[in-house]
Amino acid sequence: MENKNIIGTNFIITNRDLINEFGVNTALMLGELYGRRNYFRERNELKYGYFFATKNSIEKSTKLSPYKQRTASEILIKAGILEIKYIDIPPKTYYKINDENLLKVLKNSVVHEMNNKENMSWITGC
């Protein structure tokens, strides 16, 4: 079995820079949503970029309570990375990830990290 097959089976991929920027729960939530979006995208089931997920299914996958999901979602919404719509009756939660704003956050994180390394180079002599 190839490594990429193992990684693709049941992992939630997250980013260390996002953990540093937003915290573990928010990075975990985004990693879960990103994986779900890719699932729906591969099946051409996105609706104007939105995909459906329940709080229960996210909790089952991540162990993030509905409160922690809501808190993480609010952080991602404020950062412009996540949009949420409630559609149908009873309302179902649809998510949309803004890749452009996510890349901006990651780019700023990388630039900040590089600047810190440059500023610290005089200490280490590198």
Protein backbone atom coordinates (compact mmCIF):
# COMPACT_ATOMS: atom_id res chain seq x y z
CA MET A 1 0.00 0.00 0.00
CA GLU A 2 1.35 3.41 -0.93
CA ASN A 3 1.69 6.20 1.66
CA LYS A 4 -0.68 8.48 -0.23
CA ASN A 5 -3.37 5.81 0.03
CA ILE A 6 -2.86 5.57 3.79
CA ILE A 7 -3.04 9.34 4.21
CA GLY A 8 -6.15 9.58 2.08
CA THR A 9 -8.12 7.06 4.10
CA ASN A 10 -9.24 8.69 7.33
CA PHE A 11 -6.95 11.57 8.24
CA ILE A 12 -7.84 15.20 8.84
CA ILE A 13 -5.09 17.30 7.30
CA THR A 14 -4.35 20.63 8.96
CA ASN A 15 -1.68 23.27 8.72
CA ARG A 16 0.72 24.29 11.49
CA ASP A 17 0.51 27.94 10.44
CA LEU A 18 -3.28 27.81 10.80
CA ILE A 19 -2.90 26.24 14.25
CA ASN A 20 -0.60 29.10 15.25
CA GLU A 21 -2.92 31.72 13.74
CA PHE A 22 -6.32 30.43 14.90
CA GLY A 23 -5.77 27.62 17.41
CA VAL A 24 -6.05 23.86 17.20
CA ASN A 25 -9.84 23.60 17.17
CA THR A 26 -10.26 26.12 14.37
CA ALA A 27 -7.50 24.54 12.27
CA LEU A 28 -9.04 21.11 12.88
CA MET A 29 -12.49 22.36 11.88
CA LEU A 30 -11.10 23.89 8.69
CA GLY A 31 -9.20 20.69 7.86
CA GLU A 32 -12.40 18.67 8.28
CA LEU A 33 -14.44 21.09 6.16
CA TYR A 34 -11.74 21.19 3.48
CA GLY A 35 -11.79 17.40 3.24
CA ARG A 36 -15.58 17.38 2.97
CA ARG A 37 -15.50 20.06 0.30
CA ASN A 38 -13.03 17.98 -1.71
CA TYR A 39 -15.35 14.99 -1.37
CA PHE A 40 -18.29 16.93 -2.81
CA ARG A 41 -16.12 18.60 -5.46
CA GLU A 42 -14.87 15.23 -6.76
CA ARG A 43 -18.49 14.16 -7.19
CA ASN A 44 -19.58 17.46 -8.79
CA GLU A 45 -22.02 17.96 -5.93
CA LEU A 46 -21.05 21.48 -4.83
CA LYS A 47 -23.91 23.97 -5.01
CA TYR A 48 -22.36 27.30 -6.04
CA GLY A 49 -19.28 26.27 -4.09
CA TYR A 50 -21.28 25.25 -1.01
CA PHE A 51 -21.45 21.82 0.57
CA PHE A 52 -23.60 20.35 3.33
CA ALA A 53 -22.42 19.06 6.70
CA THR A 54 -24.23 18.44 9.98
CA LYS A 55 -22.94 19.40 13.40
CA ASN A 56 -23.35 15.76 14.45
CA SER A 57 -21.25 14.42 11.57
CA ILE A 58 -18.52 16.99 12.23
CA GLU A 59 -18.56 16.15 15.93
CA LYS A 60 -18.32 12.45 15.14
CA SER A 61 -15.29 13.05 12.89
CA THR A 62 -13.46 15.64 14.99
CA LYS A 63 -14.84 15.32 18.54
CA LEU A 64 -15.47 19.09 18.41
CA SER A 65 -18.69 19.86 20.27
CA PRO A 66 -21.30 22.06 18.56
CA TYR A 67 -20.09 24.94 20.76
CA LYS A 68 -16.47 24.47 19.63
CA GLN A 69 -17.63 24.15 16.02
CA ARG A 70 -19.57 27.40 16.32
CA THR A 71 -16.59 29.17 17.90
CA ALA A 72 -14.23 27.89 15.20
CA SER A 73 -16.70 28.85 12.46
CA GLU A 74 -17.01 32.38 13.86
CA ILE A 75 -13.22 32.78 13.78
CA LEU A 76 -13.05 31.55 10.18
CA ILE A 77 -15.95 33.78 9.14
CA LYS A 78 -14.26 36.85 10.67
CA ALA A 79 -11.08 35.95 8.77
CA GLY A 80 -13.08 35.75 5.53
CA ILE A 81 -12.19 32.10 5.05
CA LEU A 82 -15.60 30.56 5.64
CA GLU A 83 -19.15 31.38 4.60
CA ILE A 84 -22.19 29.65 6.07
CA LYS A 85 -25.75 29.52 4.75
CA TYR A 86 -28.79 27.87 6.26
CA ILE A 87 -31.00 26.42 3.55
CA ASP A 88 -34.26 24.44 3.55
CA ILE A 89 -36.77 23.77 6.30
CA PRO A 90 -35.65 22.64 8.76
CA PRO A 91 -32.47 24.57 8.03
CA LYS A 92 -29.41 22.64 6.89
CA THR A 93 -25.94 24.10 7.25
CA TYR A 94 -24.00 24.72 4.05
CA TYR A 95 -20.36 25.78 4.10
CA LYS A 96 -18.17 27.51 1.53
CA ILE A 97 -14.40 27.94 1.86
CA ASN A 98 -12.84 31.04 0.35
CA ASP A 99 -9.52 29.72 -0.99
CA GLU A 100 -8.26 33.19 -1.91
CA ASN A 101 -8.58 34.47 1.66
CA LEU A 102 -7.18 31.23 3.05
CA LEU A 103 -4.11 31.61 0.83
CA LYS A 104 -3.71 35.22 2.02
CA VAL A 105 -3.66 34.06 5.63
CA LEU A 106 -1.14 31.33 4.82
CA LYS A 107 1.00 33.73 2.80
CA ASN A 108 0.99 36.30 5.62
CA SER A 109 1.95 33.56 8.04
CA VAL A 110 4.87 32.45 5.85
CA VAL A 111 6.03 36.05 5.32
CA HIS A 112 5.80 36.69 9.07
CA GLU A 113 7.80 33.51 9.77
CA MET A 114 10.46 34.47 7.21
CA ASN A 115 10.73 37.97 8.69
CA ASN A 116 11.16 36.50 12.16
CA LYS A 117 13.92 34.20 10.91
CA GLU A 118 15.68 37.14 9.24
CA ASN A 119 15.36 39.23 12.40
CA MET A 120 16.69 36.39 14.53
CA SER A 121 19.58 35.47 12.22
CA TRP A 122 21.95 37.86 13.98
CA ILE A 123 21.44 35.86 17.19
CA THR A 124 22.26 32.49 15.65
CA GLY A 125 24.83 33.82 13.21
CA CYS A 126 23.04 32.26 10.21
